[in-house]
Protein backbone atom coordinates (compact mmCIF):
# COMPACT_ATOMS: atom_id res chain seq x y z
CA UNK A 1 94.40 102.60 131.06
CA UNK A 2 91.00 101.89 129.55
CA UNK A 3 89.38 100.06 126.75
CA UNK A 4 91.26 102.05 124.10
CA UNK A 5 94.78 101.53 125.33
CA UNK A 6 97.36 100.26 122.86
CA UNK A 7 98.85 96.80 122.78
CA UNK A 8 102.36 97.06 121.34
CA UNK A 9 103.13 93.36 121.73
CA UNK A 10 100.29 92.47 119.33
CA UNK A 11 101.58 94.96 116.74
CA UNK A 12 105.14 93.72 117.14
CA UNK A 13 104.04 90.15 116.68
CA UNK A 14 102.28 91.10 113.47
CA UNK A 15 105.30 93.02 112.19
CA UNK A 16 107.64 90.15 113.00
CA UNK A 17 105.30 87.70 111.28
CA UNK A 18 105.32 89.89 108.18
CA UNK A 19 109.10 90.14 108.18
CA UNK A 20 109.35 86.38 108.59
CA UNK A 21 107.61 86.10 105.21
CA UNK A 22 109.06 89.12 103.39
CA UNK A 23 112.74 88.54 104.15
CA UNK A 24 112.82 84.91 102.91
CA UNK A 25 110.75 85.98 99.90
CA UNK A 26 113.29 88.65 99.00
CA UNK A 27 116.18 86.19 99.41
CA UNK A 28 114.48 83.52 97.29
CA UNK A 29 113.60 86.08 94.61
CA UNK A 30 117.20 87.32 94.44
CA UNK A 31 118.49 83.75 94.21
CA UNK A 32 115.98 83.01 91.45
CA UNK A 33 117.08 86.09 89.49
CA UNK A 34 120.73 85.08 89.72
CA UNK A 35 119.98 81.47 88.77
CA UNK A 36 117.64 82.17 85.86
CA UNK A 37 119.24 85.36 84.55
CA UNK A 38 119.69 84.91 80.77
CA UNK A 39 123.19 84.56 79.42
CA UNK A 40 122.49 86.09 76.00
CA UNK A 41 122.66 82.81 74.06
CA UNK A 42 119.19 82.80 72.51
CA UNK A 43 119.02 80.37 69.60
CA UNK A 44 116.20 81.06 67.15
CA UNK A 45 117.16 78.42 64.63
CA UNK A 46 116.98 80.93 61.72
CA UNK A 47 119.67 82.78 59.86
CA UNK A 48 120.35 86.43 60.57
CA UNK A 49 118.35 88.62 58.19
CA UNK A 50 120.28 90.94 55.89
CA UNK A 51 117.39 93.44 55.62
CA UNK A 52 118.04 96.77 57.37
CA UNK A 53 115.56 99.33 58.65
CA UNK A 54 116.30 102.93 57.70
CA UNK A 55 114.29 106.13 57.97
CA UNK A 56 113.32 108.62 55.32
CA UNK A 57 110.93 111.44 54.41
CA UNK A 58 108.47 111.49 51.52
CA UNK A 59 108.99 114.58 49.38
CA UNK A 60 106.25 113.94 46.82
CA UNK A 61 103.54 111.46 45.79
CA UNK A 62 102.38 110.74 42.23
CA UNK A 63 99.13 108.76 42.03
CA UNK A 64 98.26 106.57 39.05
CA UNK A 65 95.26 104.63 37.87
CA UNK A 66 94.94 101.35 39.73
CA UNK A 67 95.10 98.17 37.64
CA UNK A 68 91.91 96.18 37.25
CA UNK A 69 91.38 93.59 39.95
CA UNK A 70 90.42 90.00 39.09
CA UNK A 71 86.81 88.97 39.46
CA UNK A 72 85.89 88.40 43.09
CA UNK A 73 89.02 90.15 44.40
CA UNK A 74 88.72 93.40 46.42
CA UNK A 75 89.27 96.60 44.49
CA UNK A 76 92.52 98.45 45.41
CA UNK A 77 92.36 101.82 47.14
CA UNK A 78 93.08 104.64 44.61
CA UNK A 79 95.14 106.46 47.24
CA UNK A 80 97.65 103.55 47.29
CA UNK A 81 98.33 103.32 43.55
CA UNK A 82 101.37 105.27 42.40
CA UNK A 83 104.92 106.23 43.34
CA UNK A 84 106.53 108.25 46.11
CA UNK A 85 109.73 110.28 46.05
CA UNK A 86 111.63 109.57 49.26
CA UNK A 87 114.72 111.24 50.73
CA UNK A 88 116.59 108.52 52.63
CA UNK A 89 118.66 109.31 55.68
CA UNK A 90 122.07 110.37 54.45
CA UNK A 91 120.70 112.49 51.59
CA UNK A 92 119.96 109.86 48.93
CA UNK A 93 116.70 110.35 46.97
CA UNK A 94 114.81 107.38 45.52
CA UNK A 95 111.48 106.81 43.80
CA UNK A 96 109.54 103.88 45.25
CA UNK A 97 106.19 102.27 44.60
CA UNK A 98 103.52 102.90 47.19
CA UNK A 99 102.38 99.84 49.19
CA UNK A 100 99.05 98.74 47.71
CA UNK A 101 98.26 95.40 49.34
CA UNK A 102 95.36 94.67 51.71
CA UNK A 103 95.44 97.04 54.65
CA UNK A 104 98.00 99.34 53.00
CA UNK A 105 98.40 102.74 54.63
CA UNK A 106 98.09 106.14 53.00
CA UNK A 107 101.24 108.22 52.52
CA UNK A 108 101.57 111.91 51.68
CA UNK A 109 104.34 114.44 51.16
CA UNK A 110 106.12 115.29 54.39
CA UNK A 111 105.48 111.93 56.09
CA UNK A 112 108.37 110.30 57.92
CA UNK A 113 108.58 106.64 56.90
CA UNK A 114 110.42 103.43 57.69
CA UNK A 115 112.23 101.83 54.73
CA UNK A 116 113.54 98.29 54.31
CA UNK A 117 116.90 98.03 52.53
CA UNK A 118 118.17 94.67 51.30
CA UNK A 119 121.74 93.56 50.68
CA UNK A 120 121.69 94.95 47.12
CA UNK A 121 120.74 98.44 48.31
CA UNK A 122 117.12 98.35 47.10
CA UNK A 123 114.55 100.14 49.25
CA UNK A 124 110.91 99.47 50.01
CA UNK A 125 108.42 101.55 51.97
CA UNK A 126 107.36 99.65 55.07
CA UNK A 127 105.48 101.88 57.51
CA UNK A 128 105.15 105.33 59.03
CA UNK A 129 107.91 106.45 61.38
CA UNK A 130 106.10 107.02 64.70
CA UNK A 131 109.12 107.69 66.91
CA UNK A 132 108.51 111.44 67.22
CA UNK A 133 104.79 111.19 68.18
CA UNK A 134 105.57 108.43 70.68
CA UNK A 135 108.30 110.51 72.32
CA UNK A 136 105.88 113.45 72.58
CA UNK A 137 103.19 111.22 74.10
CA UNK A 138 105.71 109.83 76.57
CA UNK A 139 106.87 113.31 77.58
CA UNK A 140 103.27 114.49 78.07
CA UNK A 141 102.52 111.39 80.15
CA UNK A 142 105.57 111.92 82.35
CA UNK A 143 104.81 115.61 82.88
CA UNK A 144 101.20 114.87 83.82
CA UNK A 145 102.24 112.18 86.31
CA UNK A 146 104.87 114.41 87.93
CA UNK A 147 102.60 117.47 88.00
CA UNK A 148 99.89 115.56 89.82
CA UNK A 149 101.91 113.13 91.92
CA UNK A 150 105.02 115.31 92.49
CA UNK A 151 107.66 113.20 94.21
CA UNK A 152 105.32 110.21 94.32
CA UNK A 153 104.85 110.61 90.58
CA UNK A 154 108.62 110.53 90.06
CA UNK A 155 108.91 107.30 92.02
CA UNK A 156 105.99 105.85 90.04
CA UNK A 157 107.82 106.57 86.78
CA UNK A 158 111.00 104.98 88.16
CA UNK A 159 108.96 101.93 89.16
CA UNK A 160 107.50 101.77 85.64
CA UNK A 161 111.03 101.85 84.22
CA UNK A 162 112.07 99.02 86.56
CA UNK A 163 109.12 96.95 85.34
CA UNK A 164 110.09 97.41 81.70
CA UNK A 165 113.74 96.62 82.42
CA UNK A 166 112.89 93.36 84.18
CA UNK A 167 110.45 92.33 81.45
CA UNK A 168 112.88 93.11 78.61
CA UNK A 169 116.09 91.86 80.23
CA UNK A 170 114.90 88.93 82.35
CA UNK A 171 111.41 87.59 81.59
CA UNK A 172 111.42 87.63 77.77
CA UNK A 173 115.08 86.57 77.24
CA UNK A 174 114.76 83.90 79.94
CA UNK A 175 111.75 82.34 78.20
CA UNK A 176 113.49 82.52 74.81
CA UNK A 177 116.52 80.71 76.25
CA UNK A 178 114.31 77.76 77.12
CA UNK A 179 113.75 78.29 80.83
CA UNK A 180 110.34 77.20 82.18
CA UNK A 181 108.00 80.14 81.43
CA UNK A 182 106.00 79.68 84.63
CA UNK A 183 109.09 79.73 86.84
CA UNK A 184 110.51 82.77 85.04
CA UNK A 185 107.18 84.59 85.41
CA UNK A 186 106.95 83.81 89.14
CA UNK A 187 110.47 85.07 89.84
CA UNK A 188 110.01 88.11 87.59
CA UNK A 189 106.63 88.98 89.13
CA UNK A 190 108.07 88.69 92.65
CA UNK A 191 110.98 90.98 91.77
CA UNK A 192 108.67 93.53 90.16
CA UNK A 193 106.31 93.40 93.12
CA UNK A 194 109.03 93.94 95.74
CA UNK A 195 110.98 96.61 93.88
CA UNK A 196 108.09 98.64 92.46
CA UNK A 197 105.81 98.66 95.51
CA UNK A 198 108.52 99.68 97.97
CA UNK A 199 110.07 102.12 95.51
CA UNK A 200 106.74 103.78 94.73
CA UNK A 201 105.06 103.73 98.15
CA UNK A 202 108.05 103.66 100.51
CA UNK A 203 109.04 101.28 103.29
CA UNK A 204 106.04 101.20 105.60
CA UNK A 205 103.71 98.75 107.28
CA UNK A 206 100.98 99.55 104.76
CA UNK A 207 103.29 98.74 101.84
CA UNK A 208 104.45 95.53 103.51
CA UNK A 209 100.87 94.41 104.03
CA UNK A 210 100.13 95.22 100.37
CA UNK A 211 103.10 93.08 99.35
CA UNK A 212 101.92 90.18 101.50
CA UNK A 213 98.37 90.50 100.17
CA UNK A 214 99.64 90.61 96.59
CA UNK A 215 101.83 87.56 97.20
CA UNK A 216 98.97 85.51 98.66
CA UNK A 217 96.51 86.53 95.93
CA UNK A 218 99.08 85.91 93.19
CA UNK A 219 99.77 82.42 94.53
CA UNK A 220 96.04 81.70 94.57
CA UNK A 221 95.70 83.03 91.01
CA UNK A 222 98.52 80.79 89.83
CA UNK A 223 96.99 77.68 91.41
CA UNK A 224 93.56 78.47 89.98
CA UNK A 225 95.06 79.10 86.54
CA UNK A 226 96.97 75.83 86.57
CA UNK A 227 93.86 73.86 87.50
CA UNK A 228 91.56 75.76 85.13
CA UNK A 229 93.80 75.34 82.06
CA UNK A 230 94.13 71.63 82.71
CA UNK A 231 90.41 71.20 83.30
CA UNK A 232 89.49 73.18 80.15
CA UNK A 233 92.14 71.38 78.03
CA UNK A 234 93.84 74.60 76.90
CA UNK A 235 97.43 74.32 75.65
CA UNK A 236 98.05 77.99 74.86
CA UNK A 237 98.13 77.63 71.05
CA UNK A 238 95.39 79.90 69.75
CA UNK A 239 97.04 81.87 66.92
CA UNK A 240 99.91 81.81 64.43
CA UNK A 241 102.31 83.50 66.88
CA UNK A 242 101.94 80.81 69.53
CA UNK A 243 102.19 78.10 66.88
CA UNK A 244 105.40 79.61 65.48
CA UNK A 245 106.95 79.77 68.96
CA UNK A 246 106.00 76.16 69.61
CA UNK A 247 107.49 74.94 66.32
CA UNK A 248 110.64 77.06 66.10
CA UNK A 249 111.70 77.53 69.73
CA UNK A 250 110.02 74.55 71.39
CA UNK A 251 108.56 76.79 74.10
CA UNK A 252 106.04 75.35 76.54
CA UNK A 253 103.00 77.24 75.29
CA UNK A 254 100.80 76.23 78.23
CA UNK A 255 103.46 77.48 80.63
CA UNK A 256 103.69 80.64 78.55
CA UNK A 257 99.94 81.13 78.96
CA UNK A 258 100.24 80.65 82.71
CA UNK A 259 103.08 83.16 82.78
CA UNK A 260 100.99 85.72 80.91
CA UNK A 261 98.11 85.25 83.35
CA UNK A 262 100.37 85.78 86.38
CA UNK A 263 102.09 88.86 84.98
CA UNK A 264 98.77 90.32 83.82
CA UNK A 265 97.15 89.71 87.20
CA UNK A 266 100.05 91.35 89.04
CA UNK A 267 99.30 94.78 87.60
CA UNK A 268 95.68 94.76 88.75
CA UNK A 269 96.47 93.13 92.11
CA UNK A 270 98.94 95.92 92.93
CA UNK A 271 96.18 98.46 92.48
CA UNK A 272 93.74 96.62 94.74
CA UNK A 273 96.14 95.66 97.53
CA UNK A 274 97.79 99.08 97.79
CA UNK A 275 94.40 100.78 97.84
CA UNK A 276 93.15 98.52 100.64
CA UNK A 277 96.31 98.87 102.74
CA UNK A 278 96.36 102.67 102.42
CA UNK A 279 92.63 102.85 103.13
CA UNK A 280 93.03 100.93 106.38
CA UNK A 281 95.98 103.11 107.40
CA UNK A 282 94.02 106.31 106.74
CA UNK A 283 90.97 105.02 108.62
CA UNK A 284 93.13 104.09 111.59
CA UNK A 285 94.79 107.50 111.55
CA UNK A 286 91.45 109.33 111.40
CA UNK A 287 89.83 107.08 114.04
CA UNK A 288 92.50 105.94 116.52
CA UNK A 289 89.89 104.13 118.62
CA UNK A 290 88.94 101.77 115.79
CA UNK A 291 89.87 98.18 116.39
CA UNK A 292 90.37 95.30 113.99
CA UNK A 293 86.71 94.54 113.35
CA UNK A 294 85.66 98.15 112.68
CA UNK A 295 88.66 98.80 110.42
CA UNK A 296 88.00 95.57 108.53
CA UNK A 297 84.32 96.34 108.01
CA UNK A 298 84.90 99.94 106.91
CA UNK A 299 87.73 99.12 104.51
CA UNK A 300 85.87 96.04 103.27
CA UNK A 301 82.98 98.21 102.08
CA UNK A 302 85.41 100.32 100.07
CA UNK A 303 87.06 97.19 98.70
CA UNK A 304 83.77 95.75 97.51
CA UNK A 305 82.99 98.93 95.59
CA UNK A 306 86.49 98.90 94.10
CA UNK A 307 86.22 95.27 93.02
CA UNK A 308 82.84 95.87 91.38
CA UNK A 309 84.35 98.55 89.14
CA UNK A 310 87.58 96.61 88.47
CA UNK A 311 85.65 93.53 87.29
CA UNK A 312 83.82 95.62 84.72
CA UNK A 313 87.15 97.15 83.67
CA UNK A 314 88.70 93.72 83.09
CA UNK A 315 85.80 92.48 80.98
CA UNK A 316 85.74 95.65 78.88
CA UNK A 317 89.52 95.51 78.39
CA UNK A 318 89.35 91.93 77.08
CA UNK A 319 86.33 92.73 74.91
CA UNK A 320 88.09 95.74 73.42
CA UNK A 321 91.25 93.75 72.67
CA UNK A 322 89.23 90.94 71.04
CA UNK A 323 86.76 93.18 69.20
CA UNK A 324 87.97 92.31 65.65
CA UNK A 325 87.72 88.61 66.48
CA UNK A 326 84.24 89.06 67.91
CA UNK A 327 83.20 90.86 64.72
CA UNK A 328 84.46 87.94 62.63
CA UNK A 329 82.41 85.51 64.70
CA UNK A 330 79.38 87.76 64.30
CA UNK A 331 79.77 87.88 60.52
CA UNK A 332 80.03 84.09 60.39
CA UNK A 333 76.76 83.85 62.36
CA UNK A 334 78.09 81.06 64.53
CA UNK A 335 75.98 79.99 67.51
CA UNK A 336 77.04 81.56 70.79
CA UNK A 337 77.83 78.17 72.31
CA UNK A 338 80.28 77.36 69.52
CA UNK A 339 81.92 80.77 69.75
CA UNK A 340 82.49 80.53 73.51
CA UNK A 341 84.07 77.08 73.26
CA UNK A 342 86.66 78.03 70.63
CA UNK A 343 90.21 77.96 72.07
CA UNK A 344 90.86 81.68 71.69
CA UNK A 345 87.61 82.74 73.41
CA UNK A 346 87.75 79.99 76.04
CA UNK A 347 91.29 81.07 76.89
CA UNK A 348 90.21 84.65 77.49
CA UNK A 349 87.23 83.49 79.56
CA UNK A 350 89.48 81.38 81.79
CA UNK A 351 91.98 84.23 82.06
CA UNK A 352 89.24 86.67 83.09
CA UNK A 353 87.65 84.33 85.64
CA UNK A 354 90.83 83.28 87.45
CA UNK A 355 92.10 86.86 87.45
CA UNK A 356 88.83 88.08 88.93
CA UNK A 357 88.88 85.38 91.62
CA UNK A 358 92.39 86.45 92.58
CA UNK A 359 91.22 90.07 92.83
CA UNK A 360 88.26 89.12 94.99
CA UNK A 361 90.55 87.20 97.34
CA UNK A 362 92.98 90.12 97.51
CA UNK A 363 90.47 92.40 99.27
CA UNK A 364 89.79 90.37 102.45
CA UNK A 365 93.38 89.11 102.68
CA UNK A 366 95.02 92.54 102.41
CA UNK A 367 92.36 94.27 104.50
CA UNK A 368 92.77 91.74 107.33
CA UNK A 369 96.57 92.02 107.31
CA UNK A 370 96.49 95.82 107.25
CA UNK A 371 93.83 95.99 109.99
CA UNK A 372 95.91 93.74 112.25
CA UNK A 373 98.87 96.12 112.05
CA UNK A 374 96.87 99.37 112.16
CA UNK A 375 94.41 98.57 114.98
CA UNK A 376 95.22 99.93 118.42
CA UNK A 377 93.73 97.05 120.36
CA UNK A 378 92.98 93.38 120.09
CA UNK A 379 90.29 92.21 117.66
CA UNK A 380 88.29 90.66 120.47
CA UNK A 381 87.88 94.08 122.09
CA UNK A 382 85.61 95.12 119.23
CA UNK A 383 83.20 92.39 120.26
CA UNK A 384 82.96 94.05 123.66
CA UNK A 385 82.42 97.56 122.23
CA UNK A 386 78.58 97.38 121.95
CA UNK A 387 78.24 96.18 125.56
CA UNK A 388 80.66 98.84 126.75
CA UNK A 389 78.75 101.50 124.82
CA UNK A 390 75.45 100.43 126.39
CA UNK A 391 77.03 100.45 129.83
CA UNK A 392 78.34 103.96 129.28
CA UNK A 393 74.94 105.16 128.12
CA UNK A 394 73.23 103.63 131.12
CA UNK A 395 75.74 105.19 133.51
CA UNK A 396 74.92 108.62 132.10
CA UNK A 397 71.35 108.38 133.43
CA UNK A 398 72.26 106.60 136.64
CA UNK A 399 71.69 108.71 139.83
CA UNK A 400 74.81 109.83 141.62
CA UNK A 401 75.12 110.59 145.29
CA UNK A 402 76.13 114.23 144.80
CA UNK A 403 73.17 115.14 142.61
CA UNK A 404 70.18 116.86 144.22
CA UNK A 405 67.74 115.69 141.52
CA UNK A 406 68.81 112.14 140.71
CA UNK A 407 66.00 111.63 138.17
CA UNK A 408 65.35 114.27 135.52
CA UNK A 409 61.93 115.82 136.23
CA UNK A 410 59.50 116.58 133.43
CA UNK A 411 58.71 120.19 132.69
CA UNK A 412 55.79 121.53 134.80
CA UNK A 413 53.82 124.57 133.74
CA UNK A 414 53.70 127.09 136.64
CA UNK A 415 50.32 127.98 138.13
CA UNK A 416 48.73 131.32 137.36
CA UNK A 417 50.48 134.13 139.20
CA UNK A 418 53.43 131.90 140.13
CA UNK A 419 56.92 132.73 138.87
CA UNK A 420 58.71 130.12 136.75
CA UNK A 421 61.04 127.84 138.61
CA UNK A 422 64.14 129.35 137.03
CA UNK A 423 63.24 132.77 138.51
CA UNK A 424 62.58 131.54 142.02
CA UNK A 425 65.11 132.43 144.62
CA UNK A 426 66.76 129.30 145.86
CA UNK A 427 66.55 128.83 149.60
CA UNK A 428 69.83 128.61 151.37
CA UNK A 429 70.42 125.49 153.34
């Protein structure tokens, strides 16, 4: 029984406190899923289109001279002027005009294409058929994940499938049915967080602390987003898609923006919180004598390095997604102040800032929770460690009753003709 003895009651209290939050959270999330689950009665307000999508294969391309373009209009691409012979699924062969509008793609013999067929049976080339390449990419991705992660990789893929199922069957249909987007996003994010984290990382204290840290950081991100959007006067309408949703479906576009921020932040928060929780667990396993303070400091240093790289990743991701828009602003030679205050750029700035603040908060919150459960003794014992270490060092040089030479003597060079002390015969007492 010394300074490094364990204190099970403290650990049990921490575990019980975590369960007191996790169990009600799981119950509330399940109730929210049942209450908000879409019933399949989405009303778009538009008639069902009679155009069908079919697949086909181009068997030959015949290029022709492009017609002259009007003055001031862009010249058409010579590779898009002409006809293509297409074999439609089912064996029918048709000759169709190549798409030649702005941004038209290039087609060649052997390409698999998507065709649009109207009610009269007329076809039109729409796009390349990318189903086969996408399936190959997906198979390569799955094999790489399983080869590296083994069973953990399998559970990660199952968690990814669960995320897609919840997004496609609950979040998107629920918003289209007219449910509040923010509420749907909160319930959907909670369900994804609970199912995916426990499914991928197993039922453990580290996973539970990651869930609690994610929950706290996600709540903080939501509050900051709500206040920031109101303060910046952003309503979520920045492009034609948001405007069409607002006019046709009467969707709360500001709530939709909040929902997108929460769901987007969840993916990055999972990475940070799981990393911190696992880091603390590994440090505690490698150094069983570490208490709360030492675990928190060691894992905090790792978390700061992680956050520094994640922040750069977020900014680069947003810059890459908005690169065409940034190029348009650059061509227009607008002042930087005007560019930053446009709704589309201001929205991305607010999204980046509140998401980053949530990530920064996730590190100390998750690290503290994980250190409380992983430490072997009370946090206040770490404050006594330096004094205890000094006392132990002093006791090492303290004379003891059974020692003949209580104080270490300096080395003395023997006189000439005298044997060194280690060769002298000790006198018997």
